[in-house]
Amino acid sequence: MKIKIRKAKISDIPQLVDLLVDFYKIQREKGVKTITEDDAVLKGGVTIEIGNGFANPAWMCVIADRAGSLVSCMIGVLEFCTPISKDLKCVKVLVNYLTDDTLVGPRVLTGVWKLMEEWAAESGAGFFYANIHPGNASSIRAAKHVGFKHQYTQFYKELTLEA
């Protein structure tokens, strides 16, 4: 069946929520400690995040649709860069998820990236960046496939507040 790559629509929200809940569960299994263990909270938070995204002009969601079923999504958020950056704007890739690793090649990943890059260029962005957990080898391979280079290591520290 043919896979259609397009910008997400409001009618895609229920499937997008399910897709992202699956994505975040996989991230949690790979060692990301910032994702809640409570699946009800996770689903509620994803629903709010997706709903808010559709109201945000600096947010773009591109999906791959196979016969009415979503097989991939990518979400980018337009941000202002730091004062020392040569670029005024950049795009943070929040999510890049394919339900099947066989879709990484030109069929889907490249097509999704093409739409995302067109939107970023029209929006005046100079570069993309993404935070990928070191245990997420498939996402690292996908990022390298579309031209990302490893640049920084992210550090994480939890803040514990006294009651």
Protein backbone atom coordinates (compact mmCIF):
# COMPACT_ATOMS: atom_id res chain seq x y z
CA MET A 1 0.00 0.00 0.00
CA LYS A 2 1.14 3.51 -0.77
CA ILE A 3 2.34 5.67 2.10
CA LYS A 4 1.24 9.31 2.00
CA ILE A 5 3.43 11.90 3.72
CA ARG A 6 1.64 15.06 4.78
CA LYS A 7 1.17 17.68 7.44
CA ALA A 8 -0.94 16.40 10.36
CA LYS A 9 -4.57 17.47 10.61
CA ILE A 10 -6.82 17.88 13.64
CA SER A 11 -8.57 14.62 12.70
CA ASP A 12 -5.22 12.82 13.23
CA ILE A 13 -5.08 13.72 16.94
CA PRO A 14 -6.46 10.41 18.34
CA GLN A 15 -3.96 8.36 16.31
CA LEU A 16 -1.14 10.82 17.05
CA VAL A 17 -1.77 10.50 20.78
CA ASP A 18 -1.62 6.69 20.56
CA LEU A 19 1.52 6.85 18.41
CA LEU A 20 3.27 9.20 20.85
CA VAL A 21 2.27 7.18 23.91
CA ASP A 22 3.90 4.15 22.24
CA PHE A 23 6.96 6.26 21.40
CA TYR A 24 7.37 7.52 24.97
CA LYS A 25 6.95 4.00 26.40
CA ILE A 26 9.79 2.82 24.16
CA GLN A 27 11.90 5.80 25.27
CA ARG A 28 11.22 4.91 28.91
CA GLU A 29 12.33 1.32 28.27
CA LYS A 30 15.57 2.60 26.72
CA GLY A 31 16.42 4.50 29.89
CA VAL A 32 14.87 7.98 29.63
CA LYS A 33 14.10 8.84 33.25
CA THR A 34 12.02 11.97 32.66
CA ILE A 35 8.93 10.15 31.36
CA THR A 36 6.27 9.30 33.92
CA GLU A 37 5.71 5.66 34.86
CA ASP A 38 1.96 6.30 35.19
CA ASP A 39 0.45 5.54 31.76
CA ALA A 40 -2.73 7.52 32.50
CA VAL A 41 -0.64 10.64 33.22
CA LEU A 42 1.48 9.95 30.15
CA LYS A 43 -1.56 9.70 27.86
CA GLY A 44 -3.17 12.81 29.39
CA GLY A 45 0.04 14.80 29.03
CA VAL A 46 0.52 13.71 25.42
CA THR A 47 -3.09 14.67 24.63
CA ILE A 48 -2.55 18.16 26.06
CA GLU A 49 0.81 18.53 24.28
CA ILE A 50 -0.67 17.56 20.90
CA GLY A 51 -3.73 19.76 21.40
CA ASN A 52 -1.59 22.76 22.33
CA GLY A 53 0.68 22.07 19.37
CA PHE A 54 -2.10 22.48 16.85
CA ALA A 55 -2.77 25.95 18.28
CA ASN A 56 0.91 26.97 18.09
CA PRO A 57 2.13 28.50 14.80
CA ALA A 58 5.74 27.63 15.76
CA TRP A 59 4.89 23.90 15.85
CA MET A 60 4.88 21.50 12.90
CA CYS A 61 3.80 17.87 12.81
CA VAL A 62 4.47 15.78 9.72
CA ILE A 63 3.06 12.27 9.47
CA ALA A 64 3.21 9.24 7.23
CA ASP A 65 -0.16 7.64 6.61
CA ARG A 66 -0.69 4.14 5.20
CA ALA A 67 -4.33 3.46 4.32
CA GLY A 68 -5.61 5.73 7.10
CA SER A 69 -3.20 4.41 9.75
CA LEU A 70 -0.27 6.52 10.95
CA VAL A 71 3.11 4.80 10.63
CA SER A 72 5.38 7.75 11.43
CA CYS A 73 5.37 11.23 12.89
CA MET A 74 7.86 14.01 13.34
CA ILE A 75 7.25 17.10 15.47
CA GLY A 76 9.39 20.20 15.23
CA VAL A 77 9.20 23.40 17.27
CA LEU A 78 10.59 26.70 16.02
CA GLU A 79 12.77 28.38 18.65
CA PHE A 80 14.87 31.51 18.93
CA CYS A 81 18.57 30.73 19.15
CA THR A 82 21.04 31.89 21.75
CA PRO A 83 22.56 35.37 21.30
CA ILE A 84 25.93 33.86 20.34
CA SER A 85 24.46 31.78 17.51
CA LYS A 86 24.88 32.95 13.93
CA ASP A 87 21.24 31.99 13.29
CA LEU A 88 18.21 33.80 14.69
CA LYS A 89 15.94 30.72 14.68
CA CYS A 90 16.31 26.94 14.86
CA VAL A 91 14.02 23.92 15.03
CA LYS A 92 14.06 21.49 17.94
CA VAL A 93 12.93 18.02 16.87
CA LEU A 94 10.72 16.84 19.73
CA VAL A 95 9.68 13.53 18.19
CA ASN A 96 10.83 11.45 15.27
CA TYR A 97 9.05 8.10 15.41
CA LEU A 98 8.60 5.32 12.89
CA THR A 99 6.54 2.31 13.87
CA ASP A 100 8.80 0.04 11.81
CA ASP A 101 12.56 0.39 11.29
CA THR A 102 12.20 -0.79 7.69
CA LEU A 103 10.62 2.62 6.97
CA VAL A 104 13.87 4.51 7.71
CA GLY A 105 14.99 4.62 4.10
CA PRO A 106 13.81 6.97 1.37
CA ARG A 107 10.26 5.69 1.49
CA VAL A 108 9.28 7.48 4.68
CA LEU A 109 12.01 9.11 6.74
CA THR A 110 13.45 11.06 3.84
CA GLY A 111 10.00 12.21 2.75
CA VAL A 112 9.02 13.29 6.26
CA TRP A 113 12.29 15.19 6.60
CA LYS A 114 11.76 16.91 3.27
CA LEU A 115 8.46 18.42 4.47
CA MET A 116 9.98 19.38 7.84
CA GLU A 117 12.98 21.03 6.16
CA GLU A 118 10.73 22.99 3.79
CA TRP A 119 8.72 24.32 6.75
CA ALA A 120 11.92 25.16 8.67
CA ALA A 121 13.38 27.06 5.69
CA GLU A 122 10.14 28.99 5.16
CA SER A 123 10.17 29.85 8.88
CA GLY A 124 13.73 31.21 8.73
CA ALA A 125 15.44 28.46 10.76
CA GLY A 126 19.17 27.96 10.32
CA PHE A 127 19.51 24.49 11.81
CA PHE A 128 17.83 21.56 13.55
CA TYR A 129 18.75 20.00 16.87
CA ALA A 130 17.46 17.04 18.87
CA ASN A 131 18.16 15.38 22.19
CA ILE A 132 18.55 11.63 21.69
CA HIS A 133 19.12 9.25 24.59
CA PRO A 134 22.41 7.33 24.12
CA GLY A 135 20.54 4.03 24.54
CA ASN A 136 18.29 4.80 21.58
CA ALA A 137 20.40 3.33 18.78
CA SER A 138 17.57 3.30 16.21
CA SER A 139 16.93 7.05 16.66
CA ILE A 140 20.66 7.77 16.42
CA ARG A 141 20.82 5.81 13.14
CA ALA A 142 17.75 7.65 11.80
CA ALA A 143 19.24 11.04 12.73
CA LYS A 144 22.52 10.21 11.02
CA HIS A 145 20.61 9.00 7.95
CA VAL A 146 19.14 12.48 7.43
CA GLY A 147 22.41 14.30 8.13
CA PHE A 148 22.54 15.01 11.87
CA LYS A 149 25.98 15.05 13.45
CA HIS A 150 26.67 14.29 17.09
CA GLN A 151 27.71 17.51 18.78
CA TYR A 152 26.93 17.67 22.49
CA THR A 153 26.29 15.42 25.44
CA GLN A 154 23.26 16.31 27.50
CA PHE A 155 23.47 16.24 31.27
CA TYR A 156 20.50 15.73 33.55
CA LYS A 157 20.02 16.43 37.25
CA GLU A 158 16.78 16.05 39.16
CA LEU A 159 15.77 18.68 41.66
CA THR A 160 14.24 17.31 44.84
CA LEU A 161 12.10 19.78 46.73
CA GLU A 162 11.51 19.43 50.43
CA ALA A 163 7.87 19.21 51.47
